[in-house]
C-alpha atoms as a PDB file:
ATOM      1  CA  MET A   1       4.193 -31.124  62.139  1.00  0.00           C
ATOM      2  CA  GLY A   2       7.583 -30.537  61.082  1.00  0.00           C
ATOM      3  CA  VAL A   3       9.640 -27.357  61.729  1.00  0.00           C
ATOM      4  CA  ALA A   4       7.377 -24.486  61.660  1.00  0.00           C
ATOM      5  CA  ALA A   5       8.544 -20.765  61.835  1.00  0.00           C
ATOM      6  CA  GLY A   6       7.807 -18.501  64.626  1.00  0.00           C
ATOM      7  CA  PRO A   7       7.466 -18.990  68.404  1.00  0.00           C
ATOM      8  CA  ILE A   8       5.825 -22.086  70.081  1.00  0.00           C
ATOM      9  CA  ARG A   9       1.957 -21.522  69.931  1.00  0.00           C
ATOM     10  CA  VAL A  10       0.060 -22.846  73.008  1.00  0.00           C
ATOM     11  CA  VAL A  11      -3.751 -22.937  73.642  1.00  0.00           C
ATOM     12  CA  VAL A  12      -4.467 -22.787  77.298  1.00  0.00           C
ATOM     13  CA  ALA A  13      -7.949 -23.872  78.113  1.00  0.00           C
ATOM     14  CA  LYS A  14     -10.477 -24.429  80.992  1.00  0.00           C
ATOM     15  CA  PRO A  15     -12.640 -27.252  79.943  1.00  0.00           C
ATOM     16  CA  GLY A  16     -15.862 -28.137  81.562  1.00  0.00           C
ATOM     17  CA  LEU A  17     -17.891 -26.443  84.404  1.00  0.00           C
ATOM     18  CA  ASP A  18     -14.844 -25.462  86.507  1.00  0.00           C
ATOM     19  CA  GLY A  19     -15.052 -21.665  87.195  1.00  0.00           C
ATOM     20  CA  HIS A  20     -11.615 -21.222  88.672  1.00  0.00           C
ATOM     21  CA  ASP A  21      -9.009 -19.827  86.136  1.00  0.00           C
ATOM     22  CA  ARG A  22      -6.377 -18.056  88.173  1.00  0.00           C
ATOM     23  CA  GLY A  23      -3.873 -20.973  87.708  1.00  0.00           C
ATOM     24  CA  ALA A  24      -4.540 -21.174  83.989  1.00  0.00           C
ATOM     25  CA  LYS A  25      -3.922 -17.367  83.618  1.00  0.00           C
ATOM     26  CA  VAL A  26      -0.671 -17.611  85.680  1.00  0.00           C
ATOM     27  CA  ILE A  27       0.515 -20.444  83.263  1.00  0.00           C
ATOM     28  CA  ALA A  28      -0.605 -18.504  80.187  1.00  0.00           C
ATOM     29  CA  ARG A  29       1.219 -15.464  81.337  1.00  0.00           C
ATOM     30  CA  ALA A  30       4.354 -17.347  82.228  1.00  0.00           C
ATOM     31  CA  LEU A  31       4.413 -18.931  78.746  1.00  0.00           C
ATOM     32  CA  ARG A  32       3.808 -15.689  76.957  1.00  0.00           C
ATOM     33  CA  ASP A  33       6.550 -14.019  79.102  1.00  0.00           C
ATOM     34  CA  ALA A  34       8.845 -16.769  77.948  1.00  0.00           C
ATOM     35  CA  GLY A  35       8.274 -15.764  74.278  1.00  0.00           C
ATOM     36  CA  MET A  36       5.526 -18.191  73.258  1.00  0.00           C
ATOM     37  CA  GLU A  37       2.301 -17.232  71.622  1.00  0.00           C
ATOM     38  CA  VAL A  38      -0.638 -18.143  73.885  1.00  0.00           C
ATOM     39  CA  ILE A  39      -4.293 -18.255  73.088  1.00  0.00           C
ATOM     40  CA  TYR A  40      -6.373 -18.331  76.250  1.00  0.00           C
ATOM     41  CA  THR A  41      -9.894 -19.796  75.532  1.00  0.00           C
ATOM     42  CA  GLY A  42     -11.629 -18.675  78.772  1.00  0.00           C
ATOM     43  CA  LEU A  43     -13.873 -20.656  81.163  1.00  0.00           C
ATOM     44  CA  HIS A  44     -16.278 -23.367  80.349  1.00  0.00           C
ATOM     45  CA  GLN A  45     -15.048 -24.561  77.017  1.00  0.00           C
ATOM     46  CA  THR A  46     -16.182 -27.920  75.595  1.00  0.00           C
ATOM     47  CA  PRO A  47     -13.511 -30.277  74.244  1.00  0.00           C
ATOM     48  CA  GLU A  48     -14.763 -29.552  70.767  1.00  0.00           C
ATOM     49  CA  GLN A  49     -14.350 -25.799  71.228  1.00  0.00           C
ATOM     50  CA  ILE A  50     -10.766 -26.356  72.564  1.00  0.00           C
ATOM     51  CA  VAL A  51      -9.777 -28.589  69.765  1.00  0.00           C
ATOM     52  CA  ASP A  52     -11.344 -26.329  67.030  1.00  0.00           C
ATOM     53  CA  THR A  53      -9.419 -23.431  68.587  1.00  0.00           C
ATOM     54  CA  ALA A  54      -6.195 -25.264  68.552  1.00  0.00           C
ATOM     55  CA  ILE A  55      -6.446 -26.204  64.925  1.00  0.00           C
ATOM     56  CA  GLN A  56      -7.760 -22.952  63.752  1.00  0.00           C
ATOM     57  CA  GLU A  57      -4.832 -21.255  65.636  1.00  0.00           C
ATOM     58  CA  ASP A  58      -2.240 -23.713  64.261  1.00  0.00           C
ATOM     59  CA  ALA A  59      -1.284 -24.512  67.889  1.00  0.00           C
ATOM     60  CA  ASP A  60       1.732 -26.752  68.720  1.00  0.00           C
ATOM     61  CA  ALA A  61       0.219 -27.703  72.059  1.00  0.00           C
ATOM     62  CA  ILE A  62      -2.827 -27.505  74.299  1.00  0.00           C
ATOM     63  CA  GLY A  63      -2.568 -26.938  77.941  1.00  0.00           C
ATOM     64  CA  LEU A  64      -5.644 -27.902  79.906  1.00  0.00           C
ATOM     65  CA  SER A  65      -6.293 -26.849  83.473  1.00  0.00           C
ATOM     66  CA  ILE A  66      -8.757 -28.925  85.397  1.00  0.00           C
ATOM     67  CA  LEU A  67      -9.850 -28.450  88.996  1.00  0.00           C
ATOM     68  CA  SER A  68     -13.238 -30.031  88.838  1.00  0.00           C
ATOM     69  CA  GLY A  69     -12.467 -33.632  89.138  1.00  0.00           C
ATOM     70  CA  ALA A  70     -13.538 -34.401  85.483  1.00  0.00           C
ATOM     71  CA  HIS A  71     -10.044 -34.679  84.263  1.00  0.00           C
ATOM     72  CA  ASN A  72     -10.304 -38.322  83.122  1.00  0.00           C
ATOM     73  CA  THR A  73     -13.277 -37.598  80.924  1.00  0.00           C
ATOM     74  CA  LEU A  74     -12.104 -34.130  79.525  1.00  0.00           C
ATOM     75  CA  PHE A  75      -8.532 -35.128  78.666  1.00  0.00           C
ATOM     76  CA  ALA A  76      -9.677 -38.284  76.908  1.00  0.00           C
ATOM     77  CA  ALA A  77     -12.251 -36.196  74.881  1.00  0.00           C
ATOM     78  CA  VAL A  78      -9.682 -33.819  73.764  1.00  0.00           C
ATOM     79  CA  ILE A  79      -7.177 -36.552  72.803  1.00  0.00           C
ATOM     80  CA  ASP A  80      -9.939 -38.430  70.937  1.00  0.00           C
ATOM     81  CA  LEU A  81     -11.043 -35.318  69.060  1.00  0.00           C
ATOM     82  CA  LEU A  82      -7.463 -34.586  68.020  1.00  0.00           C
ATOM     83  CA  LYS A  83      -7.254 -38.148  66.732  1.00  0.00           C
ATOM     84  CA  GLU A  84     -10.481 -37.839  64.841  1.00  0.00           C
ATOM     85  CA  ARG A  85      -9.458 -34.586  63.180  1.00  0.00           C
ATOM     86  CA  ASP A  86      -5.938 -35.819  62.231  1.00  0.00           C
ATOM     87  CA  ALA A  87      -4.297 -33.331  64.577  1.00  0.00           C
ATOM     88  CA  GLU A  88      -2.468 -35.784  66.904  1.00  0.00           C
ATOM     89  CA  ASP A  89       0.733 -33.635  66.293  1.00  0.00           C
ATOM     90  CA  ILE A  90      -0.731 -31.148  68.852  1.00  0.00           C
ATOM     91  CA  LEU A  91       0.707 -31.960  72.200  1.00  0.00           C
ATOM     92  CA  VAL A  92      -1.688 -32.088  75.126  1.00  0.00           C
ATOM     93  CA  PHE A  93      -0.487 -31.417  78.667  1.00  0.00           C
ATOM     94  CA  GLY A  94      -2.285 -30.119  81.735  1.00  0.00           C
ATOM     95  CA  GLY A  95      -2.490 -29.559  85.329  1.00  0.00           C
ATOM     96  CA  GLY A  96      -4.812 -28.942  88.282  1.00  0.00           C
ATOM     97  CA  ILE A  97      -6.103 -31.089  91.000  1.00  0.00           C
ATOM     98  CA  ILE A  98      -5.363 -34.488  89.589  1.00  0.00           C
ATOM     99  CA  PRO A  99      -4.787 -37.518  91.974  1.00  0.00           C
ATOM    100  CA  GLU A 100      -1.369 -39.101  91.516  1.00  0.00           C
ATOM    101  CA  ALA A 101      -3.135 -42.445  90.837  1.00  0.00           C
ATOM    102  CA  ASP A 102      -4.865 -40.853  87.791  1.00  0.00           C
ATOM    103  CA  ILE A 103      -1.682 -39.632  86.179  1.00  0.00           C
ATOM    104  CA  PRO A 104      -0.411 -42.920  84.602  1.00  0.00           C
ATOM    105  CA  PRO A 105      -3.642 -43.784  82.940  1.00  0.00           C
ATOM    106  CA  LEU A 106      -3.992 -40.223  81.670  1.00  0.00           C
ATOM    107  CA  LYS A 107      -0.417 -40.636  80.140  1.00  0.00           C
ATOM    108  CA  GLU A 108      -1.370 -43.938  78.584  1.00  0.00           C
ATOM    109  CA  LYS A 109      -4.212 -42.235  76.899  1.00  0.00           C
ATOM    110  CA  GLY A 110      -1.894 -39.738  75.337  1.00  0.00           C
ATOM    111  CA  VAL A 111      -1.493 -36.760  77.700  1.00  0.00           C
ATOM    112  CA  ALA A 112       2.109 -35.858  77.534  1.00  0.00           C
ATOM    113  CA  GLU A 113       2.519 -34.375  80.995  1.00  0.00           C
ATOM    114  CA  ILE A 114       0.538 -33.581  84.040  1.00  0.00           C
ATOM    115  CA  PHE A 115       1.521 -30.774  86.481  1.00  0.00           C
ATOM    116  CA  THR A 116       0.111 -30.915  89.896  1.00  0.00           C
ATOM    117  CA  PRO A 117      -0.183 -28.157  92.659  1.00  0.00           C
ATOM    118  CA  GLY A 118       3.333 -27.005  93.595  1.00  0.00           C
ATOM    119  CA  ALA A 119       4.796 -27.224  90.093  1.00  0.00           C
ATOM    120  CA  THR A 120       6.720 -24.016  89.378  1.00  0.00           C
ATOM    121  CA  THR A 121       5.961 -21.842  86.271  1.00  0.00           C
ATOM    122  CA  ALA A 122       9.718 -22.154  85.418  1.00  0.00           C
ATOM    123  CA  SER A 123       9.421 -26.095  85.258  1.00  0.00           C
ATOM    124  CA  ILE A 124       6.328 -25.833  83.194  1.00  0.00           C
ATOM    125  CA  VAL A 125       7.984 -23.363  80.762  1.00  0.00           C
ATOM    126  CA  ASP A 126      11.070 -25.512  80.588  1.00  0.00           C
ATOM    127  CA  TRP A 127       9.017 -28.589  79.887  1.00  0.00           C
ATOM    128  CA  VAL A 128       7.153 -26.981  77.081  1.00  0.00           C
ATOM    129  CA  ARG A 129      10.439 -25.631  75.561  1.00  0.00           C
ATOM    130  CA  ALA A 130      12.024 -29.252  75.731  1.00  0.00           C
ATOM    131  CA  ASN A 131       9.003 -31.093  74.497  1.00  0.00           C
ATOM    132  CA  VAL A 132       7.148 -28.953  72.041  1.00  0.00           C
ATOM    133  CA  ARG A 133       8.564 -28.332  68.681  1.00  0.00           C
ATOM    134  CA  GLN A 134      11.462 -25.842  68.574  1.00  0.00           C
ATOM    135  CA  PRO A 135      10.936 -22.753  66.646  1.00  0.00           C
ATOM    136  CA  ALA A 136      12.908 -22.432  63.347  1.00  0.00           C
ATOM    137  CA  GLU A 137      16.228 -20.412  63.659  1.00  0.00           C
ATOM    138  CA  ALA A 138      15.981 -16.992  62.249  1.00  0.00           C
END
């Protein structure tokens, strides 16, 4: 992606049929309060809708929140769509109820980081700042 001007842009999304979005909203607010631009997609988004939004919004990263147990399928679908659309420079991270045993295979597929229950908003903000492109100096 190179160095782009402006703040880090993150799409926060709730893929699939999961209807619980409180955690995603907390993360979205923490990222926003840390000076990032956040686009929250709302509930019940398809991987296609999430990738479309990320590309249209020129996002630097996608944060997925999954509590439904469909994390292996949904993360893979988002990663695959980013590859198909030549948008692999958009970093994917996520969190939710994800068993420890599923984390290494998700990272092998291309998910940059997984945050499980108990992760602090400060640790997530710090990780995004350290791993997503740095904004250009003013």
